[in-house]
């Protein structure tokens, strides 16, 4: 089992007050979260914005998962808001390489996410520029979306080709499938509803962490 697997709480909301509550709740059990950003175009849902994050004081480090059209237009604002890393979608970018360069010019780490139907060969030319690759195991945009197990072999294949690149998986990951995800060799597992929609988010996080590490 990979001892470096990290469970990353994934925060998805369109309410600034709910964002505040979810960040403060997360401070009880982690030091790093992912904040999902949605524009109503690339995915149907809308979320909070960089301005809302900027207005909240938190001890957490965080990355933004940009599920948006024209992600290059978001880089400056999220840099100012305090992100450590920006993850954008390959499918949303006209020039992925130029977006990666722009992200790094703002002093941030750059990652790319690919939807379930996107072949991993599409991103091979970008690998040397990236800090991480995230594999979506749902069609993105909503908490509670159906997990797509057919994505799992893609990660295994990717690791054989690029064993040194950080990878993550995002979408539909819960108690009943997190062990399968962990066995693919991913470094990060993003979890939303299986943490925040539970009675005790801290307990749920720790339980998922133990399952991912093979301790249960």
C-alpha atoms as a PDB file:
ATOM      1  CA  UNK A   1       0.000   0.000   0.000  1.00  0.00           C
ATOM      2  CA  UNK A   2       1.189   3.477  -0.857  1.00  0.00           C
ATOM      3  CA  UNK A   3       1.999   5.179   2.453  1.00  0.00           C
ATOM      4  CA  UNK A   4       1.754   8.622   0.915  1.00  0.00           C
ATOM      5  CA  UNK A   5      -1.920   8.525  -0.029  1.00  0.00           C
ATOM      6  CA  UNK A   6      -3.597  11.744   1.058  1.00  0.00           C
ATOM      7  CA  UNK A   7      -7.333  12.146   1.502  1.00  0.00           C
ATOM      8  CA  UNK A   8      -8.217  15.630   0.258  1.00  0.00           C
ATOM      9  CA  UNK A   9     -11.588  17.019   1.404  1.00  0.00           C
ATOM     10  CA  UNK A  10     -13.361  18.460  -1.623  1.00  0.00           C
ATOM     11  CA  UNK A  11     -15.469  21.536  -0.881  1.00  0.00           C
ATOM     12  CA  UNK A  12     -18.337  22.255  -3.259  1.00  0.00           C
ATOM     13  CA  UNK A  13     -20.879  24.973  -2.509  1.00  0.00           C
ATOM     14  CA  UNK A  14     -22.494  28.098  -3.926  1.00  0.00           C
ATOM     15  CA  UNK A  15     -22.954  29.651  -0.473  1.00  0.00           C
ATOM     16  CA  UNK A  16     -20.235  31.865   1.063  1.00  0.00           C
ATOM     17  CA  UNK A  17     -21.474  31.030   4.557  1.00  0.00           C
ATOM     18  CA  UNK A  18     -21.449  27.298   3.857  1.00  0.00           C
ATOM     19  CA  UNK A  19     -17.933  27.697   2.484  1.00  0.00           C
ATOM     20  CA  UNK A  20     -16.873  29.329   5.733  1.00  0.00           C
ATOM     21  CA  UNK A  21     -18.423  26.506   7.783  1.00  0.00           C
ATOM     22  CA  UNK A  22     -16.854  23.782   5.631  1.00  0.00           C
ATOM     23  CA  UNK A  23     -13.406  25.361   5.876  1.00  0.00           C
ATOM     24  CA  UNK A  24     -13.636  25.725   9.644  1.00  0.00           C
ATOM     25  CA  UNK A  25     -14.922  22.152   9.949  1.00  0.00           C
ATOM     26  CA  UNK A  26     -12.014  20.921   7.821  1.00  0.00           C
ATOM     27  CA  UNK A  27      -9.491  22.599  10.121  1.00  0.00           C
ATOM     28  CA  UNK A  28     -10.419  19.969  12.741  1.00  0.00           C
ATOM     29  CA  UNK A  29      -8.973  17.076  10.743  1.00  0.00           C
ATOM     30  CA  UNK A  30      -6.720  18.251   7.881  1.00  0.00           C
ATOM     31  CA  UNK A  31      -4.355  20.975   6.735  1.00  0.00           C
ATOM     32  CA  UNK A  32      -5.192  20.845   3.020  1.00  0.00           C
ATOM     33  CA  UNK A  33      -8.436  20.970   1.016  1.00  0.00           C
ATOM     34  CA  UNK A  34      -9.611  21.256  -2.541  1.00  0.00           C
ATOM     35  CA  UNK A  35     -12.180  23.921  -3.399  1.00  0.00           C
ATOM     36  CA  UNK A  36     -14.344  23.202  -6.434  1.00  0.00           C
ATOM     37  CA  UNK A  37     -14.999  26.146  -8.733  1.00  0.00           C
ATOM     38  CA  UNK A  38     -17.821  25.895 -11.284  1.00  0.00           C
ATOM     39  CA  UNK A  39     -19.040  28.448 -13.791  1.00  0.00           C
ATOM     40  CA  UNK A  40     -22.369  27.062 -15.055  1.00  0.00           C
ATOM     41  CA  UNK A  41     -20.849  26.617 -18.516  1.00  0.00           C
ATOM     42  CA  UNK A  42     -18.229  23.888 -18.438  1.00  0.00           C
ATOM     43  CA  UNK A  43     -20.424  22.125 -15.863  1.00  0.00           C
ATOM     44  CA  UNK A  44     -24.091  22.953 -15.142  1.00  0.00           C
ATOM     45  CA  UNK A  45     -23.548  24.031 -11.531  1.00  0.00           C
ATOM     46  CA  UNK A  46     -22.386  27.378 -10.152  1.00  0.00           C
ATOM     47  CA  UNK A  47     -20.149  27.759  -7.101  1.00  0.00           C
ATOM     48  CA  UNK A  48     -18.553  30.359  -4.898  1.00  0.00           C
ATOM     49  CA  UNK A  49     -15.787  32.523  -6.406  1.00  0.00           C
ATOM     50  CA  UNK A  50     -12.235  33.595  -5.577  1.00  0.00           C
ATOM     51  CA  UNK A  51     -13.595  36.723  -3.896  1.00  0.00           C
ATOM     52  CA  UNK A  52     -15.552  34.635  -1.381  1.00  0.00           C
ATOM     53  CA  UNK A  53     -12.453  32.590  -0.521  1.00  0.00           C
ATOM     54  CA  UNK A  54     -10.309  35.716  -0.187  1.00  0.00           C
ATOM     55  CA  UNK A  55     -12.731  37.086   2.411  1.00  0.00           C
ATOM     56  CA  UNK A  56     -12.329  34.088   4.737  1.00  0.00           C
ATOM     57  CA  UNK A  57      -9.371  33.657   7.063  1.00  0.00           C
ATOM     58  CA  UNK A  58      -8.325  30.019   7.324  1.00  0.00           C
ATOM     59  CA  UNK A  59      -5.255  28.109   8.458  1.00  0.00           C
ATOM     60  CA  UNK A  60      -5.720  25.618   5.639  1.00  0.00           C
ATOM     61  CA  UNK A  61      -3.651  25.339   2.517  1.00  0.00           C
ATOM     62  CA  UNK A  62      -5.783  24.709  -0.538  1.00  0.00           C
ATOM     63  CA  UNK A  63      -5.965  24.052  -4.237  1.00  0.00           C
ATOM     64  CA  UNK A  64      -8.710  25.148  -6.614  1.00  0.00           C
ATOM     65  CA  UNK A  65     -10.275  22.658  -8.994  1.00  0.00           C
ATOM     66  CA  UNK A  66     -11.356  24.858 -11.895  1.00  0.00           C
ATOM     67  CA  UNK A  67     -14.335  23.228 -13.602  1.00  0.00           C
ATOM     68  CA  UNK A  68     -14.703  26.272 -15.811  1.00  0.00           C
ATOM     69  CA  UNK A  69     -14.544  27.434 -19.386  1.00  0.00           C
ATOM     70  CA  UNK A  70     -11.452  29.529 -20.224  1.00  0.00           C
ATOM     71  CA  UNK A  71      -9.541  28.680 -17.010  1.00  0.00           C
ATOM     72  CA  UNK A  72      -6.771  31.146 -17.888  1.00  0.00           C
ATOM     73  CA  UNK A  73      -9.152  33.950 -16.886  1.00  0.00           C
ATOM     74  CA  UNK A  74      -9.240  32.669 -13.281  1.00  0.00           C
ATOM     75  CA  UNK A  75      -5.533  32.387 -12.523  1.00  0.00           C
ATOM     76  CA  UNK A  76      -4.850  35.908 -11.282  1.00  0.00           C
ATOM     77  CA  UNK A  77      -7.820  36.005  -8.891  1.00  0.00           C
ATOM     78  CA  UNK A  78      -7.073  32.611  -7.355  1.00  0.00           C
ATOM     79  CA  UNK A  79      -3.435  33.502  -6.936  1.00  0.00           C
ATOM     80  CA  UNK A  80      -4.520  36.587  -4.969  1.00  0.00           C
ATOM     81  CA  UNK A  81      -6.991  34.492  -2.953  1.00  0.00           C
ATOM     82  CA  UNK A  82      -4.158  32.284  -1.698  1.00  0.00           C
ATOM     83  CA  UNK A  83      -4.314  29.039  -3.678  1.00  0.00           C
ATOM     84  CA  UNK A  84      -1.218  26.832  -3.664  1.00  0.00           C
ATOM     85  CA  UNK A  85      -2.199  24.917  -6.783  1.00  0.00           C
ATOM     86  CA  UNK A  86      -4.671  25.226  -9.647  1.00  0.00           C
ATOM     87  CA  UNK A  87      -6.160  22.174 -11.343  1.00  0.00           C
ATOM     88  CA  UNK A  88      -7.839  22.916 -14.674  1.00  0.00           C
ATOM     89  CA  UNK A  89      -9.610  20.640 -17.140  1.00  0.00           C
ATOM     90  CA  UNK A  90      -7.901  19.571 -20.316  1.00  0.00           C
ATOM     91  CA  UNK A  91     -11.299  19.614 -22.047  1.00  0.00           C
ATOM     92  CA  UNK A  92     -11.855  23.285 -21.150  1.00  0.00           C
ATOM     93  CA  UNK A  93      -8.540  24.607 -22.472  1.00  0.00           C
ATOM     94  CA  UNK A  94      -7.792  25.830 -25.978  1.00  0.00           C
ATOM     95  CA  UNK A  95      -4.066  25.898 -25.180  1.00  0.00           C
ATOM     96  CA  UNK A  96      -3.280  23.786 -22.094  1.00  0.00           C
ATOM     97  CA  UNK A  97       0.451  24.476 -22.331  1.00  0.00           C
ATOM     98  CA  UNK A  98      -0.015  28.247 -22.209  1.00  0.00           C
ATOM     99  CA  UNK A  99      -2.324  27.909 -19.180  1.00  0.00           C
ATOM    100  CA  UNK A 100       0.280  25.844 -17.332  1.00  0.00           C
ATOM    101  CA  UNK A 101       2.926  28.470 -18.085  1.00  0.00           C
ATOM    102  CA  UNK A 102       0.644  31.259 -16.874  1.00  0.00           C
ATOM    103  CA  UNK A 103      -0.167  29.412 -13.642  1.00  0.00           C
ATOM    104  CA  UNK A 104       3.519  28.969 -12.889  1.00  0.00           C
ATOM    105  CA  UNK A 105       4.237  32.610 -13.715  1.00  0.00           C
ATOM    106  CA  UNK A 106       1.918  33.438 -10.801  1.00  0.00           C
ATOM    107  CA  UNK A 107       3.990  31.239  -8.487  1.00  0.00           C
ATOM    108  CA  UNK A 108       1.479  28.395  -8.258  1.00  0.00           C
ATOM    109  CA  UNK A 109       1.713  24.692  -8.954  1.00  0.00           C
ATOM    110  CA  UNK A 110      -0.182  23.481 -12.012  1.00  0.00           C
ATOM    111  CA  UNK A 111      -2.276  20.374 -12.410  1.00  0.00           C
ATOM    112  CA  UNK A 112      -4.593  19.074 -15.080  1.00  0.00           C
ATOM    113  CA  UNK A 113      -7.795  17.043 -14.715  1.00  0.00           C
ATOM    114  CA  UNK A 114      -9.205  14.752 -17.376  1.00  0.00           C
ATOM    115  CA  UNK A 115     -12.811  13.632 -17.668  1.00  0.00           C
ATOM    116  CA  UNK A 116     -13.654   9.904 -17.781  1.00  0.00           C
ATOM    117  CA  UNK A 117     -13.956   9.787 -21.558  1.00  0.00           C
ATOM    118  CA  UNK A 118     -10.645  11.551 -22.285  1.00  0.00           C
ATOM    119  CA  UNK A 119      -7.772   9.291 -23.333  1.00  0.00           C
ATOM    120  CA  UNK A 120      -4.637   9.689 -21.221  1.00  0.00           C
ATOM    121  CA  UNK A 121      -2.594   9.949 -24.425  1.00  0.00           C
ATOM    122  CA  UNK A 122      -4.091  13.420 -24.907  1.00  0.00           C
ATOM    123  CA  UNK A 123      -1.966  14.815 -22.081  1.00  0.00           C
ATOM    124  CA  UNK A 124       1.324  13.046 -22.827  1.00  0.00           C
ATOM    125  CA  UNK A 125       2.854  16.158 -24.480  1.00  0.00           C
ATOM    126  CA  UNK A 126       2.180  18.162 -21.287  1.00  0.00           C
ATOM    127  CA  UNK A 127       3.596  15.782 -18.686  1.00  0.00           C
ATOM    128  CA  UNK A 128       6.974  17.480 -18.245  1.00  0.00           C
ATOM    129  CA  UNK A 129       5.219  20.777 -17.474  1.00  0.00           C
ATOM    130  CA  UNK A 130       2.770  19.467 -14.872  1.00  0.00           C
ATOM    131  CA  UNK A 131       2.968  19.039 -11.112  1.00  0.00           C
ATOM    132  CA  UNK A 132       0.062  16.578 -11.005  1.00  0.00           C
ATOM    133  CA  UNK A 133      -2.639  14.822 -13.011  1.00  0.00           C
ATOM    134  CA  UNK A 134      -6.148  14.261 -11.648  1.00  0.00           C
ATOM    135  CA  UNK A 135      -8.418  11.566 -13.045  1.00  0.00           C
ATOM    136  CA  UNK A 136     -12.137  12.254 -12.792  1.00  0.00           C
ATOM    137  CA  UNK A 137     -14.121   9.180 -11.785  1.00  0.00           C
ATOM    138  CA  UNK A 138     -17.454  10.958 -12.357  1.00  0.00           C
ATOM    139  CA  UNK A 139     -18.853  13.388 -14.865  1.00  0.00           C
ATOM    140  CA  UNK A 140     -17.996  16.522 -12.860  1.00  0.00           C
ATOM    141  CA  UNK A 141     -20.121  19.188 -11.271  1.00  0.00           C
ATOM    142  CA  UNK A 142     -22.181  17.665  -8.453  1.00  0.00           C
ATOM    143  CA  UNK A 143     -21.783  16.024  -5.049  1.00  0.00           C
ATOM    144  CA  UNK A 144     -22.958  12.430  -5.045  1.00  0.00           C
ATOM    145  CA  UNK A 145     -22.350  11.675  -8.749  1.00  0.00           C
ATOM    146  CA  UNK A 146     -22.059   8.026  -9.773  1.00  0.00           C
ATOM    147  CA  UNK A 147     -18.573   6.524  -9.489  1.00  0.00           C
ATOM    148  CA  UNK A 148     -17.217   5.158 -12.789  1.00  0.00           C
ATOM    149  CA  UNK A 149     -14.909   2.186 -12.063  1.00  0.00           C
ATOM    150  CA  UNK A 150     -13.751   1.983 -15.681  1.00  0.00           C
ATOM    151  CA  UNK A 151     -11.426   4.908 -14.938  1.00  0.00           C
ATOM    152  CA  UNK A 152      -9.305   2.819 -12.539  1.00  0.00           C
ATOM    153  CA  UNK A 153      -7.254   0.988 -15.235  1.00  0.00           C
ATOM    154  CA  UNK A 154      -6.335   4.338 -16.784  1.00  0.00           C
ATOM    155  CA  UNK A 155      -4.479   5.320 -13.616  1.00  0.00           C
ATOM    156  CA  UNK A 156      -2.634   2.014 -13.482  1.00  0.00           C
ATOM    157  CA  UNK A 157      -1.617   2.453 -17.124  1.00  0.00           C
ATOM    158  CA  UNK A 158      -0.526   6.028 -16.506  1.00  0.00           C
ATOM    159  CA  UNK A 159       1.661   5.006 -13.547  1.00  0.00           C
ATOM    160  CA  UNK A 160       3.486   2.444 -15.661  1.00  0.00           C
ATOM    161  CA  UNK A 161       4.412   5.194 -18.118  1.00  0.00           C
ATOM    162  CA  UNK A 162       5.018   8.048 -15.659  1.00  0.00           C
ATOM    163  CA  UNK A 163       5.722   6.601 -12.187  1.00  0.00           C
ATOM    164  CA  UNK A 164       7.165   9.866 -10.873  1.00  0.00           C
ATOM    165  CA  UNK A 165       4.160  12.095 -11.602  1.00  0.00           C
ATOM    166  CA  UNK A 166       1.771  12.870  -8.741  1.00  0.00           C
ATOM    167  CA  UNK A 167      -1.720  11.591  -9.449  1.00  0.00           C
ATOM    168  CA  UNK A 168      -5.123  12.062  -7.894  1.00  0.00           C
ATOM    169  CA  UNK A 169      -8.626  10.731  -8.323  1.00  0.00           C
ATOM    170  CA  UNK A 170     -11.759  12.765  -7.849  1.00  0.00           C
ATOM    171  CA  UNK A 171     -15.444  11.944  -7.879  1.00  0.00           C
ATOM    172  CA  UNK A 172     -17.917   9.533  -6.295  1.00  0.00           C
ATOM    173  CA  UNK A 173     -15.363   8.084  -3.879  1.00  0.00           C
ATOM    174  CA  UNK A 174     -16.886   6.581  -0.756  1.00  0.00           C
ATOM    175  CA  UNK A 175     -16.378   3.929   1.911  1.00  0.00           C
ATOM    176  CA  UNK A 176     -17.274   1.099  -0.479  1.00  0.00           C
ATOM    177  CA  UNK A 177     -14.757   1.935  -3.217  1.00  0.00           C
ATOM    178  CA  UNK A 178     -11.881   3.902  -1.660  1.00  0.00           C
ATOM    179  CA  UNK A 179      -9.750   0.779  -1.167  1.00  0.00           C
ATOM    180  CA  UNK A 180      -9.983   0.013  -4.898  1.00  0.00           C
ATOM    181  CA  UNK A 181      -8.948   3.573  -5.704  1.00  0.00           C
ATOM    182  CA  UNK A 182      -6.014   3.416  -3.292  1.00  0.00           C
ATOM    183  CA  UNK A 183      -4.690   0.274  -4.959  1.00  0.00           C
ATOM    184  CA  UNK A 184      -4.186   2.120  -8.249  1.00  0.00           C
ATOM    185  CA  UNK A 185      -1.246   3.965  -6.683  1.00  0.00           C
ATOM    186  CA  UNK A 186      -2.769   7.449  -6.583  1.00  0.00           C
ATOM    187  CA  UNK A 187      -1.180   9.999  -4.273  1.00  0.00           C
ATOM    188  CA  UNK A 188      -4.361  12.003  -3.558  1.00  0.00           C
ATOM    189  CA  UNK A 189      -7.985  10.943  -3.245  1.00  0.00           C
ATOM    190  CA  UNK A 190     -10.505  13.782  -3.299  1.00  0.00           C
ATOM    191  CA  UNK A 191     -13.650  13.135  -1.265  1.00  0.00           C
ATOM    192  CA  UNK A 192     -16.683  15.387  -0.927  1.00  0.00           C
ATOM    193  CA  UNK A 193     -20.065  14.051   0.154  1.00  0.00           C
ATOM    194  CA  UNK A 194     -18.591  11.034   1.955  1.00  0.00           C
ATOM    195  CA  UNK A 195     -17.054  13.542   4.377  1.00  0.00           C
ATOM    196  CA  UNK A 196     -19.239  16.640   4.458  1.00  0.00           C
ATOM    197  CA  UNK A 197     -22.658  15.027   4.068  1.00  0.00           C
ATOM    198  CA  UNK A 198     -22.071  12.732   7.037  1.00  0.00           C
ATOM    199  CA  UNK A 199     -23.103  13.259  10.651  1.00  0.00           C
ATOM    200  CA  UNK A 200     -19.488  13.574  11.866  1.00  0.00           C
ATOM    201  CA  UNK A 201     -17.113  14.825   9.105  1.00  0.00           C
ATOM    202  CA  UNK A 202     -14.031  14.300  11.276  1.00  0.00           C
ATOM    203  CA  UNK A 203     -14.888  10.689  12.012  1.00  0.00           C
ATOM    204  CA  UNK A 204     -15.774  10.073   8.360  1.00  0.00           C
ATOM    205  CA  UNK A 205     -12.468  11.545   7.182  1.00  0.00           C
ATOM    206  CA  UNK A 206     -10.458   9.375   9.580  1.00  0.00           C
ATOM    207  CA  UNK A 207     -12.374   6.264   8.629  1.00  0.00           C
ATOM    208  CA  UNK A 208     -11.755   6.870   4.906  1.00  0.00           C
ATOM    209  CA  UNK A 209      -8.103   7.586   5.607  1.00  0.00           C
ATOM    210  CA  UNK A 210      -7.734   4.268   7.419  1.00  0.00           C
ATOM    211  CA  UNK A 211      -9.461   2.394   4.588  1.00  0.00           C
ATOM    212  CA  UNK A 212      -7.187   4.018   1.997  1.00  0.00           C
ATOM    213  CA  UNK A 213      -4.074   3.087   3.980  1.00  0.00           C
ATOM    214  CA  UNK A 214      -5.245  -0.497   4.400  1.00  0.00           C
ATOM    215  CA  UNK A 215      -5.538  -0.192   8.172  1.00  0.00           C
ATOM    216  CA  UNK A 216      -9.091  -1.575   8.260  1.00  0.00           C
END
